[in-house]
């Protein structure tokens, strides 16, 4: 049985990235009726930022060369570390239980929301590997940042996440589905690009649903 962990990070309750991730999740669940499903809204229920006790746990992982993620709790030594681990444990357990990790995220200021970064920090420890797990990321961008676009070099969203998953989790199987030019819906200066946005959005929705059947 396959398991899907579904995360949303947009501050908007009705956002394009949420629509895309929902489209994938619904198609995936239809394709995997017996599959496990867990949803977490990182904007509605923010994950706390890491603290000093969390860094001490990381130091212990390095000092003891601990790579078994199921035994990290054995490293807890102080009440502060126990409190830090109480935050990490359920989040990490959801990751380890998943085969596919679906993330819906907007681009904020060329990168990702703080809520998503906070989650990533909490579940990431030195020398960890998530092995067979696959990441699917549904994004919404106000502008155009795909290869060849004038602002392609400003894309610190996909680049950051792709490098993060490969560098920290040893996961190369990451797929991005991007809906671009979303600001054309609100900004009169971009009204002439509304047609291109609509095309990008429609293609992203179609891709999200089709991709779910492959996972």
C-alpha atoms as a PDB file:
ATOM      1  CA  UNK A   1       0.000   0.000   0.000  1.00  0.00           C
ATOM      2  CA  UNK A   2       1.317   3.420  -0.975  1.00  0.00           C
ATOM      3  CA  UNK A   3       1.095   6.455   1.304  1.00  0.00           C
ATOM      4  CA  UNK A   4       0.763  10.134   0.372  1.00  0.00           C
ATOM      5  CA  UNK A   5       1.785  13.034   2.609  1.00  0.00           C
ATOM      6  CA  UNK A   6       0.129  16.226   1.356  1.00  0.00           C
ATOM      7  CA  UNK A   7       1.413  19.637   2.502  1.00  0.00           C
ATOM      8  CA  UNK A   8       0.134  23.114   1.635  1.00  0.00           C
ATOM      9  CA  UNK A   9       2.107  26.256   2.444  1.00  0.00           C
ATOM     10  CA  UNK A  10       0.203  29.146   0.875  1.00  0.00           C
ATOM     11  CA  UNK A  11      -1.028  31.889   3.195  1.00  0.00           C
ATOM     12  CA  UNK A  12      -4.077  32.188   0.931  1.00  0.00           C
ATOM     13  CA  UNK A  13      -6.905  29.804   1.746  1.00  0.00           C
ATOM     14  CA  UNK A  14      -7.972  29.862  -1.919  1.00  0.00           C
ATOM     15  CA  UNK A  15      -4.713  29.753  -3.826  1.00  0.00           C
ATOM     16  CA  UNK A  16      -3.475  28.352  -7.094  1.00  0.00           C
ATOM     17  CA  UNK A  17      -0.889  26.132  -5.420  1.00  0.00           C
ATOM     18  CA  UNK A  18      -3.622  24.684  -3.193  1.00  0.00           C
ATOM     19  CA  UNK A  19      -5.816  24.034  -6.227  1.00  0.00           C
ATOM     20  CA  UNK A  20      -2.967  22.226  -7.966  1.00  0.00           C
ATOM     21  CA  UNK A  21      -2.006  20.110  -4.965  1.00  0.00           C
ATOM     22  CA  UNK A  22      -5.664  19.244  -4.379  1.00  0.00           C
ATOM     23  CA  UNK A  23      -6.042  18.166  -8.004  1.00  0.00           C
ATOM     24  CA  UNK A  24      -3.043  15.841  -7.634  1.00  0.00           C
ATOM     25  CA  UNK A  25      -4.225  14.491  -4.270  1.00  0.00           C
ATOM     26  CA  UNK A  26      -7.758  13.778  -5.480  1.00  0.00           C
ATOM     27  CA  UNK A  27      -6.505  12.020  -8.600  1.00  0.00           C
ATOM     28  CA  UNK A  28      -3.954  10.054  -6.566  1.00  0.00           C
ATOM     29  CA  UNK A  29      -6.566   8.931  -4.048  1.00  0.00           C
ATOM     30  CA  UNK A  30      -8.900   7.851  -6.845  1.00  0.00           C
ATOM     31  CA  UNK A  31      -6.049   5.829  -8.340  1.00  0.00           C
ATOM     32  CA  UNK A  32      -5.012   4.427  -4.930  1.00  0.00           C
ATOM     33  CA  UNK A  33      -8.283   3.839  -3.031  1.00  0.00           C
ATOM     34  CA  UNK A  34      -6.511   1.712  -0.428  1.00  0.00           C
ATOM     35  CA  UNK A  35      -3.579   4.104  -0.058  1.00  0.00           C
ATOM     36  CA  UNK A  36      -2.796   6.050   3.081  1.00  0.00           C
ATOM     37  CA  UNK A  37      -3.306   9.817   3.076  1.00  0.00           C
ATOM     38  CA  UNK A  38      -2.162  12.500   5.518  1.00  0.00           C
ATOM     39  CA  UNK A  39      -2.787  16.227   5.078  1.00  0.00           C
ATOM     40  CA  UNK A  40      -1.017  19.072   6.850  1.00  0.00           C
ATOM     41  CA  UNK A  41      -1.712  22.779   6.315  1.00  0.00           C
ATOM     42  CA  UNK A  42       1.526  24.555   7.183  1.00  0.00           C
ATOM     43  CA  UNK A  43      -0.091  27.997   6.958  1.00  0.00           C
ATOM     44  CA  UNK A  44      -3.135  27.265   9.124  1.00  0.00           C
ATOM     45  CA  UNK A  45      -1.109  25.265  11.660  1.00  0.00           C
ATOM     46  CA  UNK A  46       2.453  26.618  11.453  1.00  0.00           C
ATOM     47  CA  UNK A  47       5.353  24.463  12.515  1.00  0.00           C
ATOM     48  CA  UNK A  48       7.559  26.218  15.110  1.00  0.00           C
ATOM     49  CA  UNK A  49      10.987  27.404  14.084  1.00  0.00           C
ATOM     50  CA  UNK A  50      13.913  25.302  15.270  1.00  0.00           C
ATOM     51  CA  UNK A  51      15.589  26.330  18.524  1.00  0.00           C
ATOM     52  CA  UNK A  52      18.885  25.771  20.346  1.00  0.00           C
ATOM     53  CA  UNK A  53      17.803  22.361  21.642  1.00  0.00           C
ATOM     54  CA  UNK A  54      17.134  21.205  18.089  1.00  0.00           C
ATOM     55  CA  UNK A  55      20.680  22.190  17.105  1.00  0.00           C
ATOM     56  CA  UNK A  56      21.962  20.131  20.038  1.00  0.00           C
ATOM     57  CA  UNK A  57      20.145  17.101  18.658  1.00  0.00           C
ATOM     58  CA  UNK A  58      21.845  17.696  15.307  1.00  0.00           C
ATOM     59  CA  UNK A  59      25.213  17.903  17.062  1.00  0.00           C
ATOM     60  CA  UNK A  60      24.491  14.566  18.741  1.00  0.00           C
ATOM     61  CA  UNK A  61      23.609  12.999  15.394  1.00  0.00           C
ATOM     62  CA  UNK A  62      26.986  14.088  14.039  1.00  0.00           C
ATOM     63  CA  UNK A  63      28.959  13.154  17.155  1.00  0.00           C
ATOM     64  CA  UNK A  64      27.506   9.643  17.275  1.00  0.00           C
ATOM     65  CA  UNK A  65      27.281   9.202  13.502  1.00  0.00           C
ATOM     66  CA  UNK A  66      23.639   8.267  13.897  1.00  0.00           C
ATOM     67  CA  UNK A  67      21.929   7.547  10.569  1.00  0.00           C
ATOM     68  CA  UNK A  68      18.995   5.418  11.757  1.00  0.00           C
ATOM     69  CA  UNK A  69      16.110   7.894  11.795  1.00  0.00           C
ATOM     70  CA  UNK A  70      13.988   5.526  13.876  1.00  0.00           C
ATOM     71  CA  UNK A  71      16.460   5.815  16.763  1.00  0.00           C
ATOM     72  CA  UNK A  72      16.979   9.564  16.973  1.00  0.00           C
ATOM     73  CA  UNK A  73      14.900   9.720  20.157  1.00  0.00           C
ATOM     74  CA  UNK A  74      17.722   7.897  21.949  1.00  0.00           C
ATOM     75  CA  UNK A  75      19.847  11.034  21.598  1.00  0.00           C
ATOM     76  CA  UNK A  76      17.609  13.152  23.833  1.00  0.00           C
ATOM     77  CA  UNK A  77      19.397  14.115  27.059  1.00  0.00           C
ATOM     78  CA  UNK A  78      17.750  17.250  28.493  1.00  0.00           C
ATOM     79  CA  UNK A  79      14.203  18.540  29.056  1.00  0.00           C
ATOM     80  CA  UNK A  80      14.817  21.164  26.375  1.00  0.00           C
ATOM     81  CA  UNK A  81      15.872  18.495  23.893  1.00  0.00           C
ATOM     82  CA  UNK A  82      12.818  16.443  24.844  1.00  0.00           C
ATOM     83  CA  UNK A  83      10.608  19.437  24.048  1.00  0.00           C
ATOM     84  CA  UNK A  84      12.356  19.908  20.707  1.00  0.00           C
ATOM     85  CA  UNK A  85      11.970  16.229  19.895  1.00  0.00           C
ATOM     86  CA  UNK A  86       8.263  16.366  20.764  1.00  0.00           C
ATOM     87  CA  UNK A  87       7.867  18.796  17.857  1.00  0.00           C
ATOM     88  CA  UNK A  88      10.058  16.832  15.457  1.00  0.00           C
ATOM     89  CA  UNK A  89       8.766  13.323  16.137  1.00  0.00           C
ATOM     90  CA  UNK A  90       5.243  13.515  14.635  1.00  0.00           C
ATOM     91  CA  UNK A  91       6.456  15.523  11.642  1.00  0.00           C
ATOM     92  CA  UNK A  92       9.290  13.124  10.880  1.00  0.00           C
ATOM     93  CA  UNK A  93       7.026  10.110  11.417  1.00  0.00           C
ATOM     94  CA  UNK A  94       4.696  11.435   8.708  1.00  0.00           C
ATOM     95  CA  UNK A  95       7.619  11.780   6.308  1.00  0.00           C
ATOM     96  CA  UNK A  96       8.945   8.299   7.019  1.00  0.00           C
ATOM     97  CA  UNK A  97       5.475   6.783   6.578  1.00  0.00           C
ATOM     98  CA  UNK A  98       5.059   8.387   3.153  1.00  0.00           C
ATOM     99  CA  UNK A  99       6.045   7.052  -0.242  1.00  0.00           C
ATOM    100  CA  UNK A 100       5.076  10.264  -2.023  1.00  0.00           C
ATOM    101  CA  UNK A 101       5.393  13.720  -0.483  1.00  0.00           C
ATOM    102  CA  UNK A 102       3.215  16.312  -2.205  1.00  0.00           C
ATOM    103  CA  UNK A 103       3.896  19.991  -1.571  1.00  0.00           C
ATOM    104  CA  UNK A 104       1.749  22.887  -2.713  1.00  0.00           C
ATOM    105  CA  UNK A 105       3.668  26.138  -2.404  1.00  0.00           C
ATOM    106  CA  UNK A 106       3.607  29.650  -3.806  1.00  0.00           C
ATOM    107  CA  UNK A 107       6.711  31.597  -4.708  1.00  0.00           C
ATOM    108  CA  UNK A 108       7.180  34.358  -2.147  1.00  0.00           C
ATOM    109  CA  UNK A 109       9.904  36.881  -2.907  1.00  0.00           C
ATOM    110  CA  UNK A 110      11.580  34.491  -5.369  1.00  0.00           C
ATOM    111  CA  UNK A 111      11.699  31.650  -2.815  1.00  0.00           C
ATOM    112  CA  UNK A 112       9.429  29.604  -0.525  1.00  0.00           C
ATOM    113  CA  UNK A 113       7.168  30.606   2.388  1.00  0.00           C
ATOM    114  CA  UNK A 114       8.692  30.662   5.865  1.00  0.00           C
ATOM    115  CA  UNK A 115       6.107  28.071   6.918  1.00  0.00           C
ATOM    116  CA  UNK A 116       7.541  25.538   4.476  1.00  0.00           C
ATOM    117  CA  UNK A 117      11.126  26.345   5.443  1.00  0.00           C
ATOM    118  CA  UNK A 118      10.219  25.833   9.111  1.00  0.00           C
ATOM    119  CA  UNK A 119       8.825  22.379   8.325  1.00  0.00           C
ATOM    120  CA  UNK A 120      11.891  21.454   6.289  1.00  0.00           C
ATOM    121  CA  UNK A 121      14.210  22.506   9.108  1.00  0.00           C
ATOM    122  CA  UNK A 122      12.318  20.475  11.704  1.00  0.00           C
ATOM    123  CA  UNK A 123      12.415  17.216   9.732  1.00  0.00           C
ATOM    124  CA  UNK A 124      15.995  17.496   8.456  1.00  0.00           C
ATOM    125  CA  UNK A 125      18.978  15.977  10.220  1.00  0.00           C
ATOM    126  CA  UNK A 126      22.590  15.401   9.146  1.00  0.00           C
ATOM    127  CA  UNK A 127      23.414  12.472   6.854  1.00  0.00           C
ATOM    128  CA  UNK A 128      19.805  11.387   6.489  1.00  0.00           C
ATOM    129  CA  UNK A 129      18.418   9.581   3.473  1.00  0.00           C
ATOM    130  CA  UNK A 130      14.784   9.235   2.482  1.00  0.00           C
ATOM    131  CA  UNK A 131      15.604   6.449   0.081  1.00  0.00           C
ATOM    132  CA  UNK A 132      12.738   5.500  -2.225  1.00  0.00           C
ATOM    133  CA  UNK A 133      10.524   8.471  -1.409  1.00  0.00           C
ATOM    134  CA  UNK A 134       9.478  10.853  -4.160  1.00  0.00           C
ATOM    135  CA  UNK A 135       8.618  14.533  -3.978  1.00  0.00           C
ATOM    136  CA  UNK A 136       6.009  16.251  -6.121  1.00  0.00           C
ATOM    137  CA  UNK A 137       5.865  20.041  -5.868  1.00  0.00           C
ATOM    138  CA  UNK A 138       2.974  22.137  -7.169  1.00  0.00           C
ATOM    139  CA  UNK A 139       3.882  25.807  -7.392  1.00  0.00           C
ATOM    140  CA  UNK A 140       2.294  29.137  -8.220  1.00  0.00           C
ATOM    141  CA  UNK A 141       4.438  32.075  -9.327  1.00  0.00           C
ATOM    142  CA  UNK A 142       3.392  35.669  -9.822  1.00  0.00           C
ATOM    143  CA  UNK A 143       5.755  36.058 -12.768  1.00  0.00           C
ATOM    144  CA  UNK A 144       7.524  33.856 -15.293  1.00  0.00           C
ATOM    145  CA  UNK A 145      10.687  32.069 -14.185  1.00  0.00           C
ATOM    146  CA  UNK A 146      10.914  29.061 -16.482  1.00  0.00           C
ATOM    147  CA  UNK A 147      14.104  28.557 -18.529  1.00  0.00           C
ATOM    148  CA  UNK A 148      14.447  31.280 -21.129  1.00  0.00           C
ATOM    149  CA  UNK A 149      12.308  33.807 -19.254  1.00  0.00           C
ATOM    150  CA  UNK A 150      13.974  37.166 -18.464  1.00  0.00           C
ATOM    151  CA  UNK A 151      13.766  36.432 -14.719  1.00  0.00           C
ATOM    152  CA  UNK A 152      14.701  32.755 -14.851  1.00  0.00           C
ATOM    153  CA  UNK A 153      17.815  33.452 -12.766  1.00  0.00           C
ATOM    154  CA  UNK A 154      15.606  34.710  -9.924  1.00  0.00           C
ATOM    155  CA  UNK A 155      13.976  31.325  -9.358  1.00  0.00           C
ATOM    156  CA  UNK A 156      15.141  30.384  -5.876  1.00  0.00           C
ATOM    157  CA  UNK A 157      12.012  28.311  -5.317  1.00  0.00           C
ATOM    158  CA  UNK A 158      12.449  25.264  -7.540  1.00  0.00           C
ATOM    159  CA  UNK A 159      16.233  25.483  -7.452  1.00  0.00           C
ATOM    160  CA  UNK A 160      16.314  25.608  -3.654  1.00  0.00           C
ATOM    161  CA  UNK A 161      13.863  22.747  -3.148  1.00  0.00           C
ATOM    162  CA  UNK A 162      15.444  20.530  -5.778  1.00  0.00           C
ATOM    163  CA  UNK A 163      18.899  21.041  -4.275  1.00  0.00           C
ATOM    164  CA  UNK A 164      17.540  20.622  -0.741  1.00  0.00           C
ATOM    165  CA  UNK A 165      15.897  17.281  -1.470  1.00  0.00           C
ATOM    166  CA  UNK A 166      18.980  15.990  -3.263  1.00  0.00           C
ATOM    167  CA  UNK A 167      21.536  17.348  -0.809  1.00  0.00           C
ATOM    168  CA  UNK A 168      19.797  16.645   2.504  1.00  0.00           C
ATOM    169  CA  UNK A 169      17.470  13.749   1.701  1.00  0.00           C
ATOM    170  CA  UNK A 170      19.413  12.007  -1.108  1.00  0.00           C
ATOM    171  CA  UNK A 171      16.236  12.180  -3.207  1.00  0.00           C
ATOM    172  CA  UNK A 172      16.678  12.806  -6.919  1.00  0.00           C
ATOM    173  CA  UNK A 173      13.125  11.897  -7.955  1.00  0.00           C
ATOM    174  CA  UNK A 174      11.476  15.311  -7.659  1.00  0.00           C
ATOM    175  CA  UNK A 175       8.902  16.697 -10.081  1.00  0.00           C
ATOM    176  CA  UNK A 176       7.777  20.327 -10.268  1.00  0.00           C
ATOM    177  CA  UNK A 177       4.543  21.550 -11.824  1.00  0.00           C
ATOM    178  CA  UNK A 178       4.533  25.345 -12.084  1.00  0.00           C
ATOM    179  CA  UNK A 179       1.646  27.705 -12.812  1.00  0.00           C
ATOM    180  CA  UNK A 180       3.205  31.016 -13.831  1.00  0.00           C
ATOM    181  CA  UNK A 181       2.151  34.650 -14.304  1.00  0.00           C
ATOM    182  CA  UNK A 182      -0.458  34.392 -11.549  1.00  0.00           C
ATOM    183  CA  UNK A 183      -0.196  38.118 -10.834  1.00  0.00           C
ATOM    184  CA  UNK A 184      -1.925  38.734 -14.154  1.00  0.00           C
ATOM    185  CA  UNK A 185      -5.148  37.998 -12.263  1.00  0.00           C
ATOM    186  CA  UNK A 186      -4.691  41.082 -10.041  1.00  0.00           C
ATOM    187  CA  UNK A 187      -2.141  43.452 -11.585  1.00  0.00           C
ATOM    188  CA  UNK A 188      -3.464  45.738 -14.348  1.00  0.00           C
ATOM    189  CA  UNK A 189       0.104  46.129 -15.609  1.00  0.00           C
ATOM    190  CA  UNK A 190       0.140  42.401 -16.378  1.00  0.00           C
ATOM    191  CA  UNK A 191      -3.367  42.184 -17.823  1.00  0.00           C
ATOM    192  CA  UNK A 192      -1.961  41.596 -21.297  1.00  0.00           C
ATOM    193  CA  UNK A 193      -0.406  38.369 -19.972  1.00  0.00           C
ATOM    194  CA  UNK A 194      -3.654  36.923 -18.618  1.00  0.00           C
ATOM    195  CA  UNK A 195      -4.008  34.620 -21.603  1.00  0.00           C
ATOM    196  CA  UNK A 196      -0.544  33.175 -21.049  1.00  0.00           C
ATOM    197  CA  UNK A 197      -1.310  32.694 -17.371  1.00  0.00           C
ATOM    198  CA  UNK A 198      -4.545  30.899 -18.178  1.00  0.00           C
ATOM    199  CA  UNK A 199      -2.631  28.578 -20.504  1.00  0.00           C
ATOM    200  CA  UNK A 200       0.011  27.914 -17.843  1.00  0.00           C
ATOM    201  CA  UNK A 201      -2.634  27.251 -15.200  1.00  0.00           C
ATOM    202  CA  UNK A 202      -4.639  24.903 -17.423  1.00  0.00           C
ATOM    203  CA  UNK A 203      -1.529  22.943 -18.365  1.00  0.00           C
ATOM    204  CA  UNK A 204      -0.467  22.712 -14.715  1.00  0.00           C
ATOM    205  CA  UNK A 205      -3.878  21.358 -13.683  1.00  0.00           C
ATOM    206  CA  UNK A 206      -3.841  18.814 -16.494  1.00  0.00           C
ATOM    207  CA  UNK A 207      -0.297  17.772 -15.608  1.00  0.00           C
ATOM    208  CA  UNK A 208      -1.107  17.457 -11.906  1.00  0.00           C
ATOM    209  CA  UNK A 209      -3.986  15.064 -12.560  1.00  0.00           C
ATOM    210  CA  UNK A 210      -2.054  13.019 -15.108  1.00  0.00           C
ATOM    211  CA  UNK A 211       1.043  12.826 -12.925  1.00  0.00           C
ATOM    212  CA  UNK A 212      -0.949  11.489  -9.990  1.00  0.00           C
ATOM    213  CA  UNK A 213      -1.812   8.380 -11.986  1.00  0.00           C
ATOM    214  CA  UNK A 214       1.903   7.608 -12.328  1.00  0.00           C
ATOM    215  CA  UNK A 215       2.546   7.765  -8.593  1.00  0.00           C
END
